[in-house]
């Protein structure tokens, strides 16, 4: 376990999305960043990230998260079932950071709809 309160977000928690952390008390935007060997997928009406996908890159934002916000995040992500919180290296314009990320881990889900370019946008029609 890391002592960091940094979280890498790639979907509806990004700026401009319905659950933007940028507008949530207890979260402070730190930087943009990316995860190597990670891919974003359309998951129903949202987005999920999978790690250990050679050659793929997922882009997103990094936030400093208050201790009080972690319980809410774990609940909305259904931590341990739908998504699982894991530690990753996130390169940024100012160097690499260790941060948490929620990987989509729903049992027996088929990842057939990757997001081109590794950046999720609101207006993708999902």
C-alpha atoms as a PDB file:
ATOM      1  CA  UNK A   1       0.000   0.000   0.000  1.00  0.00           C
ATOM      2  CA  UNK A   2       1.252   3.488  -0.774  1.00  0.00           C
ATOM      3  CA  UNK A   3       0.928   6.558   1.373  1.00  0.00           C
ATOM      4  CA  UNK A   4      -0.152   8.668  -1.605  1.00  0.00           C
ATOM      5  CA  UNK A   5      -3.526  10.336  -1.859  1.00  0.00           C
ATOM      6  CA  UNK A   6      -3.118  10.774  -5.605  1.00  0.00           C
ATOM      7  CA  UNK A   7      -5.758   9.335  -7.937  1.00  0.00           C
ATOM      8  CA  UNK A   8      -5.508   8.945 -11.726  1.00  0.00           C
ATOM      9  CA  UNK A   9      -8.934   9.422 -13.349  1.00  0.00           C
ATOM     10  CA  UNK A  10      -9.820   8.704 -16.969  1.00  0.00           C
ATOM     11  CA  UNK A  11     -13.611   8.829 -17.300  1.00  0.00           C
ATOM     12  CA  UNK A  12     -16.595  10.495 -15.641  1.00  0.00           C
ATOM     13  CA  UNK A  13     -14.451  11.831 -12.778  1.00  0.00           C
ATOM     14  CA  UNK A  14     -12.455  14.076 -15.175  1.00  0.00           C
ATOM     15  CA  UNK A  15     -13.076  17.811 -15.635  1.00  0.00           C
ATOM     16  CA  UNK A  16     -16.274  18.498 -17.552  1.00  0.00           C
ATOM     17  CA  UNK A  17     -17.853  15.111 -16.860  1.00  0.00           C
ATOM     18  CA  UNK A  18     -20.884  14.310 -14.705  1.00  0.00           C
ATOM     19  CA  UNK A  19     -18.940  13.373 -11.529  1.00  0.00           C
ATOM     20  CA  UNK A  20     -16.004  15.735 -12.068  1.00  0.00           C
ATOM     21  CA  UNK A  21     -13.586  15.653  -9.159  1.00  0.00           C
ATOM     22  CA  UNK A  22     -12.646  19.204 -10.117  1.00  0.00           C
ATOM     23  CA  UNK A  23     -15.973  20.344  -8.661  1.00  0.00           C
ATOM     24  CA  UNK A  24     -15.899  17.986  -5.668  1.00  0.00           C
ATOM     25  CA  UNK A  25     -14.834  19.193  -2.263  1.00  0.00           C
ATOM     26  CA  UNK A  26     -11.753  17.335  -1.114  1.00  0.00           C
ATOM     27  CA  UNK A  27     -10.129  16.905  -4.546  1.00  0.00           C
ATOM     28  CA  UNK A  28      -7.433  19.136  -6.046  1.00  0.00           C
ATOM     29  CA  UNK A  29      -6.261  18.855  -9.663  1.00  0.00           C
ATOM     30  CA  UNK A  30      -2.527  18.105  -9.834  1.00  0.00           C
ATOM     31  CA  UNK A  31      -1.626  17.285 -13.447  1.00  0.00           C
ATOM     32  CA  UNK A  32      -2.468  15.499 -16.632  1.00  0.00           C
ATOM     33  CA  UNK A  33      -0.790  12.135 -17.133  1.00  0.00           C
ATOM     34  CA  UNK A  34      -0.936   8.740 -18.755  1.00  0.00           C
ATOM     35  CA  UNK A  35      -0.500   5.057 -17.978  1.00  0.00           C
ATOM     36  CA  UNK A  36       1.560   2.882 -20.284  1.00  0.00           C
ATOM     37  CA  UNK A  37       0.237  -0.562 -21.199  1.00  0.00           C
ATOM     38  CA  UNK A  38      -3.305   0.399 -20.186  1.00  0.00           C
ATOM     39  CA  UNK A  39      -6.365   0.655 -22.409  1.00  0.00           C
ATOM     40  CA  UNK A  40      -9.715   2.401 -22.038  1.00  0.00           C
ATOM     41  CA  UNK A  41     -12.928   0.634 -23.046  1.00  0.00           C
ATOM     42  CA  UNK A  42     -16.540   1.680 -23.414  1.00  0.00           C
ATOM     43  CA  UNK A  43     -18.377  -0.003 -20.534  1.00  0.00           C
ATOM     44  CA  UNK A  44     -22.118   0.404 -21.031  1.00  0.00           C
ATOM     45  CA  UNK A  45     -22.698   4.153 -20.655  1.00  0.00           C
ATOM     46  CA  UNK A  46     -19.270   4.806 -19.160  1.00  0.00           C
ATOM     47  CA  UNK A  47     -15.640   3.850 -19.385  1.00  0.00           C
ATOM     48  CA  UNK A  48     -13.316   1.292 -17.853  1.00  0.00           C
ATOM     49  CA  UNK A  49      -9.554   0.876 -17.811  1.00  0.00           C
ATOM     50  CA  UNK A  50      -7.609  -2.364 -18.114  1.00  0.00           C
ATOM     51  CA  UNK A  51      -3.946  -2.682 -17.125  1.00  0.00           C
ATOM     52  CA  UNK A  52      -1.285  -4.905 -18.719  1.00  0.00           C
ATOM     53  CA  UNK A  53      -2.338  -4.297 -22.334  1.00  0.00           C
ATOM     54  CA  UNK A  54       0.989  -4.159 -24.240  1.00  0.00           C
ATOM     55  CA  UNK A  55       1.405  -1.155 -26.508  1.00  0.00           C
ATOM     56  CA  UNK A  56      -1.696   0.690 -25.283  1.00  0.00           C
ATOM     57  CA  UNK A  57      -1.744   4.045 -23.458  1.00  0.00           C
ATOM     58  CA  UNK A  58      -4.535   5.554 -21.345  1.00  0.00           C
ATOM     59  CA  UNK A  59      -4.644   9.315 -20.734  1.00  0.00           C
ATOM     60  CA  UNK A  60      -6.261  11.158 -17.846  1.00  0.00           C
ATOM     61  CA  UNK A  61      -5.911  13.529 -14.914  1.00  0.00           C
ATOM     62  CA  UNK A  62      -4.330  13.236 -11.476  1.00  0.00           C
ATOM     63  CA  UNK A  63      -6.032  14.582  -8.359  1.00  0.00           C
ATOM     64  CA  UNK A  64      -4.957  14.930  -4.745  1.00  0.00           C
ATOM     65  CA  UNK A  65      -7.786  13.260  -2.792  1.00  0.00           C
ATOM     66  CA  UNK A  66      -8.763  14.052   0.802  1.00  0.00           C
ATOM     67  CA  UNK A  67      -9.033  11.125   3.205  1.00  0.00           C
ATOM     68  CA  UNK A  68     -12.795  11.703   3.491  1.00  0.00           C
ATOM     69  CA  UNK A  69     -13.337  11.295  -0.261  1.00  0.00           C
ATOM     70  CA  UNK A  70     -11.878   7.754  -0.531  1.00  0.00           C
ATOM     71  CA  UNK A  71     -14.928   6.021   1.014  1.00  0.00           C
ATOM     72  CA  UNK A  72     -17.259   7.724  -1.481  1.00  0.00           C
ATOM     73  CA  UNK A  73     -14.973   6.824  -4.403  1.00  0.00           C
ATOM     74  CA  UNK A  74     -14.692   3.176  -3.317  1.00  0.00           C
ATOM     75  CA  UNK A  75     -18.501   2.983  -3.076  1.00  0.00           C
ATOM     76  CA  UNK A  76     -19.263   4.504  -6.484  1.00  0.00           C
ATOM     77  CA  UNK A  77     -16.590   2.344  -8.133  1.00  0.00           C
ATOM     78  CA  UNK A  78     -17.788  -0.764  -6.225  1.00  0.00           C
ATOM     79  CA  UNK A  79     -14.151  -1.326  -5.243  1.00  0.00           C
ATOM     80  CA  UNK A  80     -13.129  -4.965  -5.353  1.00  0.00           C
ATOM     81  CA  UNK A  81     -15.912  -6.068  -7.701  1.00  0.00           C
ATOM     82  CA  UNK A  82     -16.734  -3.723 -10.601  1.00  0.00           C
ATOM     83  CA  UNK A  83     -13.489  -1.753 -10.271  1.00  0.00           C
ATOM     84  CA  UNK A  84     -10.432  -2.485  -8.155  1.00  0.00           C
ATOM     85  CA  UNK A  85      -8.172   0.257  -6.826  1.00  0.00           C
ATOM     86  CA  UNK A  86      -4.506  -0.351  -7.699  1.00  0.00           C
ATOM     87  CA  UNK A  87      -1.220   1.560  -7.591  1.00  0.00           C
ATOM     88  CA  UNK A  88       0.405   2.577 -10.891  1.00  0.00           C
ATOM     89  CA  UNK A  89       3.216   4.766 -12.203  1.00  0.00           C
ATOM     90  CA  UNK A  90       1.842   7.821 -13.989  1.00  0.00           C
ATOM     91  CA  UNK A  91       4.219   9.845 -16.156  1.00  0.00           C
ATOM     92  CA  UNK A  92       3.349  13.566 -16.167  1.00  0.00           C
ATOM     93  CA  UNK A  93       4.926  16.621 -17.809  1.00  0.00           C
ATOM     94  CA  UNK A  94       6.890  17.151 -14.552  1.00  0.00           C
ATOM     95  CA  UNK A  95       8.010  13.565 -13.872  1.00  0.00           C
ATOM     96  CA  UNK A  96       6.490  10.268 -12.853  1.00  0.00           C
ATOM     97  CA  UNK A  97       4.129   9.903  -9.879  1.00  0.00           C
ATOM     98  CA  UNK A  98       2.730   6.911  -8.005  1.00  0.00           C
ATOM     99  CA  UNK A  99      -1.048   7.113  -7.938  1.00  0.00           C
ATOM    100  CA  UNK A 100      -4.115   4.996  -7.382  1.00  0.00           C
ATOM    101  CA  UNK A 101      -6.300   4.024 -10.339  1.00  0.00           C
ATOM    102  CA  UNK A 102      -9.552   2.078 -10.544  1.00  0.00           C
ATOM    103  CA  UNK A 103      -9.162  -0.842 -12.966  1.00  0.00           C
ATOM    104  CA  UNK A 104     -12.360  -2.344 -14.366  1.00  0.00           C
ATOM    105  CA  UNK A 105     -12.409  -5.917 -13.016  1.00  0.00           C
ATOM    106  CA  UNK A 106     -16.031  -7.020 -13.327  1.00  0.00           C
ATOM    107  CA  UNK A 107     -16.033 -10.848 -13.597  1.00  0.00           C
ATOM    108  CA  UNK A 108     -16.402 -12.313 -17.105  1.00  0.00           C
ATOM    109  CA  UNK A 109     -16.801  -8.913 -18.804  1.00  0.00           C
ATOM    110  CA  UNK A 110     -15.719  -8.972 -22.469  1.00  0.00           C
ATOM    111  CA  UNK A 111     -13.582  -5.988 -23.487  1.00  0.00           C
ATOM    112  CA  UNK A 112     -14.578  -5.542 -27.120  1.00  0.00           C
ATOM    113  CA  UNK A 113     -14.999  -1.767 -27.519  1.00  0.00           C
ATOM    114  CA  UNK A 114     -11.666   0.045 -26.975  1.00  0.00           C
ATOM    115  CA  UNK A 115     -11.554   3.843 -26.963  1.00  0.00           C
ATOM    116  CA  UNK A 116      -9.458   5.056 -29.882  1.00  0.00           C
ATOM    117  CA  UNK A 117      -6.491   7.186 -28.855  1.00  0.00           C
ATOM    118  CA  UNK A 118      -6.809   6.399 -25.137  1.00  0.00           C
ATOM    119  CA  UNK A 119      -8.689   9.606 -24.168  1.00  0.00           C
ATOM    120  CA  UNK A 120     -12.360   9.476 -23.115  1.00  0.00           C
ATOM    121  CA  UNK A 121     -14.615  12.380 -24.098  1.00  0.00           C
ATOM    122  CA  UNK A 122     -18.163  13.229 -22.997  1.00  0.00           C
ATOM    123  CA  UNK A 123     -19.432  13.665 -26.560  1.00  0.00           C
ATOM    124  CA  UNK A 124     -18.575  10.137 -27.728  1.00  0.00           C
ATOM    125  CA  UNK A 125     -22.246   9.201 -27.709  1.00  0.00           C
ATOM    126  CA  UNK A 126     -22.053   6.841 -24.762  1.00  0.00           C
END
